[in-house]
Structure formats: C-alpha cells, structure tokens
Amino acid sequence: MSPAAFAPIALSCGEPAGVGPELAVAAAKVLDGSVPFFWIGDPRHLPDGTHYTEISAAHEAHHVASGTLPVLRHEFAAPATPGHPELRNAQGVIDVIARGVSLVQSGAASALCTAPINKKVLKDGAGFAFPGHTEYLADLGGVERVVMMLACPELRVVPVTIHIALKDVPAAFTPALLEETIRITAADLSRFWGMERPRIALAGLNPHAGEGGAMGQEELDWMIPLIERLSAEGFDLKGPMPPDTMFHARARAGYDVALCAYHDQALIPIKTIDFSGGVNVTLGLPFIRTSPDHGTAFDIAGKGLADPTSLIAALKMAAEMAEKGVR
C-alpha cells in the first residue's frame, strides 16, 4: 500500500463524549503515517496532551509528522466530558458526518471512516430523524438501499435483516430483499475487492436449512428457486446452508461472504472469531464508508481502557478499498 496513491481518509469525530476522540489519537500513533487520515472535529474534545496538527485542507494530512493526528477543525457548541454527552453538541456530530461525506464526494478524501455516534443523544439534542448512522449516510449519498457487511481477515458476513425483533424476521426476510442484498454485495465485492465473481454463501432461515421442510418451508418455497434463478444469471451462490455448520474454518474457505437471514446469525460468528478487529462496511453507497464495530462506550470513555484495534482495522480497510479504486 502506498499512502500517497490516494487522497487521505476522513475520520468523523463521532460522539465527543464517547471513546472516539481517544481512539483517533491512538490510531494515529499506531499507524504512524502508514494510512493517511485526518480527524474532523473540535480540538477541545481531544484528550489532554494530544499531539495534533491543524490542517486547512484534506491533502495537508499527507505532510503531518508521523504519529501526530491531523485535525480539520469543526467548531462545536460546547466542550465534552468523557462519559457525559452534551445535547448541545448533537448538531455538530451530524454536521461533521455531512462534511465528511462532502469531502469524499468532492474527491478531497478517498473514504469516510465514522467513529461511533449515540442515536438517542442526536435525536434528543438535534431532532435526528434517521434510525441510525447508515440511514443518514444513505440519504446523503442519494440511495435508498444499502447493505451492512461486517468483515475481518477470516470472515465477511452480511445480515439481510438487521435491527428488528426475531419474531419479525420471517415476514421481513423476503425474496425481493434477499435478491437485492445479493446484487449489492456482489457488485461492491467486485468493485472494491477485485472479485470478478464473488462466492456467496446463503444461510438458511431455519435450523438445518429447513431439513427438507421438516423444520420450515422458506428454503424450499422460495430460497432454492431464487438461488437457481440468480445462479443461471452468473452469480456464484451456495446454499441454503445450515447456519450451524457454515462458519468453521474449512467451510469458510469455500466462500467470500456469508449472507445471513438475521442479525445474530451473522454477528455471533464474526464476533467470536475476531471480537476486537471487526469492521463495519456499508455497501451500496456511492463512496467508501467503514466504521469500527463498537459503540460509544460511555462507561469507559476517558479512562484509557478503549481498544483502538477495530478503528485501526476500519482505517486500514478503507485505505485498501481506496487503493483498489485508483488502480
């Protein structure tokens, strides 16, 4: 990877009272200039004693001393106290995300990496009207449907349905939704990972993938016909596979990504394999977006306990995707 081969990555500050600011500082130290990025936020929110350099434009991040955090200043309404969110800062968090997207869309930044936000704080403090980070980014990007992928070196997973109750999954997990998820996933694995024909494994909805109808009909009624139809188009699809046997090492070697029916079916295996290093990637956007796979962690913010592994992995993955995009 050549850091000069692409524009630097924009890192949004996220919730100022969470672990985002301290993790940005830790990432700058660990990466030591190997991944060019800059932090968008209010320098007042950084930990005391932080070595940072203010920049006036994204490209200047390439010239900041190694181990020093490049900061693109964005003024907030109030200071931040770790662990104690300030509602007056909610609008600033939202505006930083929009600013990061604008920088990526203009080409000044190659990708957006987002530090965690707290949706309740944004709703209470600024009337945030979106269910979450991803939906806001989709709106900014002008797309209706995006896909959440969690990735680590050993596994990529996509939950087809996400933050809904388990009892609502069978109705939400439809042929149309699964087909759209397959198409978006395949397109972006090709675009950003160079996979001409990505191998996609599909988990069954039911135990043992329905076991021939003994434990559910969805696999027989519509999943297998959908797989056959899309396979005839040229997609490399496997399944429906029994969810309890598709995540051991030998099984994982047979596919590039696993599409799962619901949240825990996808997230339990990846968090078991790599709890600290998982990366959240949003597929289907007109720009690159990655994020660490954890929340604001108010309980440990400012205590020096936060682990930067996931943020570092998210920045590295953004850089790898950006580098493929300029080849």
Protein backbone atom coordinates (compact mmCIF):
# COMPACT_ATOMS: atom_id res chain seq x y z
CA MET A 1 0.00 0.00 0.00
CA SER A 2 1.35 3.39 -0.99
CA PRO A 3 -0.10 6.12 1.27
CA ALA A 4 0.46 8.74 -1.42
CA ALA A 5 -1.51 6.76 -4.02
CA PHE A 6 -4.88 8.06 -2.83
CA ALA A 7 -6.39 11.00 -1.01
CA PRO A 8 -6.40 10.74 2.79
CA ILE A 9 -9.32 9.19 4.66
CA ALA A 10 -11.75 11.42 6.52
CA LEU A 11 -12.42 10.24 10.09
CA SER A 12 -15.54 11.78 11.60
CA CYS A 13 -15.31 12.53 15.31
CA GLY A 14 -18.50 10.71 16.33
CA GLU A 15 -19.90 11.36 19.80
CA PRO A 16 -17.40 13.67 21.55
CA ALA A 17 -18.17 12.22 25.00
CA GLY A 18 -17.51 8.67 23.84
CA VAL A 19 -14.31 6.82 23.06
CA GLY A 20 -13.98 8.23 19.53
CA PRO A 21 -11.55 11.08 20.25
CA GLU A 22 -9.11 8.97 22.28
CA LEU A 23 -9.24 6.16 19.71
CA ALA A 24 -8.39 8.59 16.91
CA VAL A 25 -5.29 9.66 18.82
CA ALA A 26 -4.30 6.04 19.49
CA ALA A 27 -4.81 5.12 15.83
CA ALA A 28 -2.56 7.97 14.68
CA LYS A 29 0.21 6.73 16.97
CA VAL A 30 -0.09 3.08 15.92
CA LEU A 31 -0.46 3.68 12.19
CA ASP A 32 2.39 6.21 12.28
CA GLY A 33 1.62 7.67 8.85
CA SER A 34 1.18 4.30 7.09
CA VAL A 35 -2.50 5.08 6.46
CA PRO A 36 -3.15 8.76 5.65
CA PHE A 37 -6.19 10.07 7.51
CA PHE A 38 -7.41 13.20 9.23
CA TRP A 39 -9.88 13.75 12.06
CA ILE A 40 -12.82 16.13 11.66
CA GLY A 41 -13.83 17.61 14.98
CA ASP A 42 -13.28 20.16 17.71
CA PRO A 43 -9.73 20.00 19.14
CA ARG A 44 -11.19 20.82 22.57
CA HIS A 45 -12.66 17.31 22.59
CA LEU A 46 -9.31 15.55 22.23
CA PRO A 47 -7.60 14.12 25.33
CA ASP A 48 -5.29 16.48 27.21
CA GLY A 49 -1.76 16.41 25.84
CA THR A 50 -2.74 15.16 22.38
CA HIS A 51 -0.14 15.75 19.68
CA TYR A 52 -2.14 17.12 16.78
CA THR A 53 -1.64 19.45 13.84
CA GLU A 54 -4.45 21.57 12.45
CA ILE A 55 -4.85 21.41 8.69
CA SER A 56 -6.91 23.68 6.45
CA ALA A 57 -7.41 21.18 3.63
CA ALA A 58 -7.55 17.40 3.43
CA HIS A 59 -4.43 16.95 1.30
CA GLU A 60 -2.30 18.53 4.03
CA ALA A 61 -2.73 15.32 6.07
CA HIS A 62 -0.03 13.78 3.88
CA HIS A 63 2.52 16.20 5.31
CA VAL A 64 1.81 15.96 9.04
CA ALA A 65 4.53 14.37 11.15
CA SER A 66 4.17 10.63 11.70
CA GLY A 67 2.30 9.73 14.86
CA THR A 68 0.63 13.15 15.00
CA LEU A 69 -3.14 13.46 14.48
CA PRO A 70 -4.09 15.76 11.58
CA VAL A 71 -7.19 17.76 12.61
CA LEU A 72 -9.62 19.53 10.31
CA ARG A 73 -11.25 21.87 12.81
CA HIS A 74 -15.01 21.82 13.20
CA GLU A 75 -16.33 24.06 15.96
CA PHE A 76 -18.85 22.57 18.38
CA ALA A 77 -21.25 24.35 20.69
CA ALA A 78 -19.75 23.07 23.94
CA PRO A 79 -16.78 21.26 25.48
CA ALA A 80 -17.04 17.50 26.02
CA THR A 81 -16.77 15.48 29.22
CA PRO A 82 -15.96 11.79 28.67
CA GLY A 83 -18.93 9.61 29.58
CA HIS A 84 -21.37 12.53 29.83
CA PRO A 85 -22.90 13.50 26.46
CA GLU A 86 -23.82 17.12 25.93
CA LEU A 87 -27.02 17.65 23.92
CA ARG A 88 -25.75 20.99 22.62
CA ASN A 89 -23.09 19.09 20.66
CA ALA A 90 -25.58 16.86 18.84
CA GLN A 91 -25.92 19.07 15.78
CA GLY A 92 -22.15 19.29 15.48
CA VAL A 93 -21.89 15.49 15.31
CA ILE A 94 -24.46 15.41 12.49
CA ASP A 95 -22.75 18.24 10.62
CA VAL A 96 -19.34 16.54 10.82
CA ILE A 97 -20.76 13.41 9.17
CA ALA A 98 -22.21 15.52 6.35
CA ARG A 99 -18.92 17.38 5.98
CA GLY A 100 -17.03 14.10 5.72
CA VAL A 101 -19.38 12.84 3.02
CA SER A 102 -18.96 16.10 1.11
CA LEU A 103 -15.18 15.78 1.22
CA VAL A 104 -15.33 12.24 -0.12
CA GLN A 105 -17.81 13.14 -2.85
CA SER A 106 -15.57 16.02 -3.96
CA GLY A 107 -12.51 13.76 -4.14
CA ALA A 108 -10.66 15.62 -1.37
CA ALA A 109 -10.91 12.46 0.76
CA SER A 110 -10.82 8.92 -0.58
CA ALA A 111 -13.13 7.35 2.02
CA LEU A 112 -15.12 8.09 5.13
CA CYS A 113 -14.43 6.26 8.38
CA THR A 114 -17.00 7.06 11.05
CA ALA A 115 -16.47 6.98 14.79
CA PRO A 116 -19.50 5.79 16.80
CA ILE A 117 -22.49 8.02 17.49
CA ASN A 118 -25.27 7.79 20.04
CA LYS A 119 -28.61 7.94 18.24
CA LYS A 120 -30.61 8.95 21.32
CA VAL A 121 -28.33 11.90 22.00
CA LEU A 122 -28.69 13.06 18.40
CA LYS A 123 -32.46 12.67 18.50
CA ASP A 124 -32.85 14.44 21.83
CA GLY A 125 -30.34 17.17 21.05
CA ALA A 126 -30.96 17.87 17.37
CA GLY A 127 -34.10 16.01 16.29
CA PHE A 128 -32.09 13.46 14.31
CA ALA A 129 -34.73 11.85 12.09
CA PHE A 130 -32.88 8.72 10.97
CA PRO A 131 -32.87 5.26 12.58
CA GLY A 132 -29.09 5.27 12.58
CA HIS A 133 -25.77 6.32 11.09
CA THR A 134 -26.13 4.17 7.98
CA GLU A 135 -29.55 5.50 7.00
CA TYR A 136 -28.26 9.06 7.26
CA LEU A 137 -25.31 8.22 5.04
CA ALA A 138 -27.65 6.59 2.50
CA ASP A 139 -29.71 9.78 2.43
CA LEU A 140 -26.60 11.92 1.95
CA GLY A 141 -25.47 9.58 -0.82
CA GLY A 142 -28.83 9.66 -2.58
CA VAL A 143 -29.50 5.92 -2.41
CA GLU A 144 -32.49 4.07 -0.98
CA ARG A 145 -30.96 0.72 -0.12
CA VAL A 146 -27.60 -0.12 1.40
CA VAL A 147 -26.15 -3.28 2.91
CA MET A 148 -24.25 -3.72 6.16
CA MET A 149 -21.24 -6.00 5.97
CA LEU A 150 -19.05 -6.96 8.92
CA ALA A 151 -15.55 -8.02 7.94
CA CYS A 152 -12.35 -9.33 9.44
CA PRO A 153 -9.47 -11.22 7.79
CA GLU A 154 -11.14 -14.59 8.40
CA LEU A 155 -14.77 -13.83 7.55
CA ARG A 156 -17.21 -11.45 5.88
CA VAL A 157 -20.87 -11.56 6.87
CA VAL A 158 -23.99 -9.68 5.77
CA PRO A 159 -27.20 -9.75 7.82
CA VAL A 160 -30.07 -9.44 5.34
CA THR A 161 -32.42 -8.18 8.05
CA ILE A 162 -30.76 -6.14 10.77
CA HIS A 163 -32.16 -4.40 13.83
CA ILE A 164 -35.58 -5.98 14.13
CA ALA A 165 -37.11 -8.41 16.62
CA LEU A 166 -36.60 -12.08 15.89
CA LYS A 167 -40.35 -12.63 15.66
CA ASP A 168 -40.46 -10.14 12.75
CA VAL A 169 -37.68 -11.77 10.73
CA PRO A 170 -39.72 -14.34 8.72
CA ALA A 171 -42.01 -11.61 7.33
CA ALA A 172 -39.14 -9.21 6.60
CA PHE A 173 -36.84 -11.83 5.04
CA THR A 174 -38.36 -11.81 1.56
CA PRO A 175 -37.22 -12.95 -1.89
CA ALA A 176 -37.01 -9.34 -3.06
CA LEU A 177 -34.89 -8.26 -0.10
CA LEU A 178 -32.52 -11.22 -0.41
CA GLU A 179 -32.11 -10.70 -4.16
CA GLU A 180 -31.35 -7.01 -3.73
CA THR A 181 -28.83 -7.81 -0.98
CA ILE A 182 -27.11 -10.39 -3.18
CA ARG A 183 -26.81 -7.94 -6.07
CA ILE A 184 -25.44 -5.06 -3.96
CA THR A 185 -23.00 -7.34 -2.14
CA ALA A 186 -21.67 -8.91 -5.33
CA ALA A 187 -21.28 -5.53 -7.04
CA ASP A 188 -19.23 -3.98 -4.24
CA LEU A 189 -17.06 -7.05 -3.65
CA SER A 190 -16.20 -6.79 -7.32
CA ARG A 191 -15.72 -3.01 -7.21
CA PHE A 192 -13.65 -2.69 -4.05
CA TRP A 193 -12.09 -6.13 -3.55
CA GLY A 194 -11.45 -7.05 -7.17
CA MET A 195 -13.54 -10.24 -7.04
CA GLU A 196 -14.80 -10.80 -10.57
CA ARG A 197 -17.34 -13.42 -9.40
CA PRO A 198 -17.53 -13.43 -5.60
CA ARG A 199 -18.53 -16.68 -3.93
CA ILE A 200 -21.62 -16.02 -1.85
CA ALA A 201 -22.88 -18.47 0.76
CA LEU A 202 -26.50 -18.16 1.86
CA ALA A 203 -27.54 -19.28 5.32
CA GLY A 204 -30.91 -20.90 5.68
CA LEU A 205 -33.54 -19.18 7.77
CA ASN A 206 -34.42 -22.30 9.72
CA PRO A 207 -32.34 -24.82 11.71
CA HIS A 208 -30.56 -27.27 9.39
CA ALA A 209 -31.72 -25.03 6.50
CA GLY A 210 -35.21 -26.43 6.98
CA GLU A 211 -34.11 -30.07 6.73
CA GLY A 212 -36.18 -30.73 3.64
CA GLY A 213 -39.24 -29.00 5.01
CA ALA A 214 -39.25 -30.71 8.40
CA MET A 215 -38.19 -27.50 10.19
CA GLY A 216 -39.60 -24.81 7.91
CA GLN A 217 -40.64 -24.22 4.32
CA GLU A 218 -38.88 -20.99 3.32
CA GLU A 219 -35.84 -22.77 1.92
CA LEU A 220 -37.97 -24.99 -0.33
CA ASP A 221 -40.67 -22.49 -1.17
CA TRP A 222 -38.53 -19.62 -2.40
CA MET A 223 -34.86 -19.63 -1.39
CA ILE A 224 -33.81 -22.52 -3.62
CA PRO A 225 -35.76 -21.20 -6.66
CA LEU A 226 -34.17 -17.76 -6.16
CA ILE A 227 -30.70 -19.25 -5.90
CA GLU A 228 -31.26 -21.29 -9.06
CA ARG A 229 -32.52 -18.25 -10.99
CA LEU A 230 -29.64 -15.99 -9.96
CA SER A 231 -27.09 -18.76 -10.49
CA ALA A 232 -28.35 -19.01 -14.07
CA GLU A 233 -27.54 -15.30 -14.41
CA GLY A 234 -23.94 -15.97 -13.41
CA PHE A 235 -23.87 -15.41 -9.65
CA ASP A 236 -21.78 -17.89 -7.66
CA LEU A 237 -24.19 -18.88 -4.90
CA LYS A 238 -24.05 -21.70 -2.36
CA GLY A 239 -26.94 -22.76 -0.19
CA PRO A 240 -29.19 -22.55 1.58
CA MET A 241 -26.58 -23.80 4.04
CA PRO A 242 -27.26 -24.99 7.62
CA PRO A 243 -26.23 -21.99 9.76
CA ASP A 244 -24.63 -24.17 12.45
CA THR A 245 -22.10 -25.78 10.09
CA MET A 246 -21.05 -22.96 7.75
CA PHE A 247 -18.67 -20.96 9.93
CA HIS A 248 -15.88 -23.38 10.84
CA ALA A 249 -12.55 -22.86 9.10
CA ARG A 250 -12.96 -25.44 6.34
CA ALA A 251 -16.44 -24.20 5.44
CA ARG A 252 -15.29 -20.55 5.38
CA ALA A 253 -12.64 -21.43 2.82
CA GLY A 254 -15.41 -22.16 0.34
CA TYR A 255 -16.90 -18.69 0.11
CA ASP A 256 -16.01 -14.98 0.14
CA VAL A 257 -19.03 -13.71 2.06
CA ALA A 258 -21.89 -15.23 4.03
CA LEU A 259 -25.38 -13.75 3.76
CA CYS A 260 -27.44 -14.44 6.85
CA ALA A 261 -31.14 -14.11 7.49
CA TYR A 262 -30.92 -12.06 10.67
CA HIS A 263 -28.63 -10.04 12.92
CA ASP A 264 -27.30 -12.61 15.40
CA GLN A 265 -26.92 -15.31 12.78
CA ALA A 266 -24.29 -13.08 11.16
CA LEU A 267 -22.74 -11.25 14.08
CA ILE A 268 -22.21 -14.11 16.53
CA PRO A 269 -19.68 -15.93 14.31
CA ILE A 270 -17.65 -12.87 13.35
CA LYS A 271 -17.53 -11.53 16.90
CA THR A 272 -16.47 -14.97 18.11
CA ILE A 273 -13.70 -15.17 15.52
CA ASP A 274 -12.42 -11.58 15.89
CA PHE A 275 -14.16 -9.62 18.62
CA SER A 276 -11.83 -6.61 18.56
CA GLY A 277 -10.91 -6.41 14.89
CA GLY A 278 -14.25 -6.50 13.09
CA VAL A 279 -15.07 -3.67 10.68
CA ASN A 280 -18.49 -2.38 9.65
CA VAL A 281 -18.58 -1.65 5.90
CA THR A 282 -21.57 -0.06 4.19
CA LEU A 283 -22.12 -1.50 0.72
CA GLY A 284 -24.23 0.19 -1.91
CA LEU A 285 -23.12 3.77 -1.22
CA PRO A 286 -21.55 5.90 -3.97
CA PHE A 287 -18.50 6.29 -1.70
CA ILE A 288 -16.43 4.17 0.68
CA ARG A 289 -17.58 4.03 4.29
CA THR A 290 -16.13 1.93 7.08
CA SER A 291 -16.59 2.07 10.83
CA PRO A 292 -15.32 0.28 13.92
CA ASP A 293 -17.69 -2.43 15.10
CA HIS A 294 -18.45 -0.99 18.52
CA GLY A 295 -20.39 1.82 20.16
CA THR A 296 -19.58 5.00 22.06
CA ALA A 297 -18.66 3.09 25.26
CA PHE A 298 -19.58 5.91 27.63
CA ASP A 299 -18.73 3.66 30.59
CA ILE A 300 -15.01 3.58 29.75
CA ALA A 301 -14.59 6.87 27.87
CA GLY A 302 -11.64 8.90 29.10
CA LYS A 303 -10.29 6.10 31.29
CA GLY A 304 -7.59 4.87 28.92
CA LEU A 305 -9.28 1.47 28.53
CA ALA A 306 -10.63 1.75 24.99
CA ASP A 307 -9.13 -0.68 22.45
CA PRO A 308 -8.25 1.00 19.11
CA THR A 309 -7.98 -2.31 17.21
CA SER A 310 -11.32 -2.02 15.42
CA LEU A 311 -10.80 1.62 14.40
CA ILE A 312 -7.33 0.82 13.11
CA ALA A 313 -8.76 -2.09 11.13
CA ALA A 314 -11.51 0.18 9.76
CA LEU A 315 -8.98 2.78 8.60
CA LYS A 316 -6.80 0.11 7.01
CA MET A 317 -9.78 -1.44 5.22
CA ALA A 318 -10.87 1.97 3.91
CA ALA A 319 -7.35 2.50 2.59
CA GLU A 320 -7.29 -0.91 0.91
CA MET A 321 -10.65 -0.24 -0.75
CA ALA A 322 -9.50 3.23 -1.84
CA GLU A 323 -6.29 1.84 -3.28
CA LYS A 324 -8.18 -0.69 -5.39
CA GLY A 325 -10.41 2.13 -6.55
CA VAL A 326 -7.48 4.04 -8.10
CA ARG A 327 -5.85 1.13 -9.85
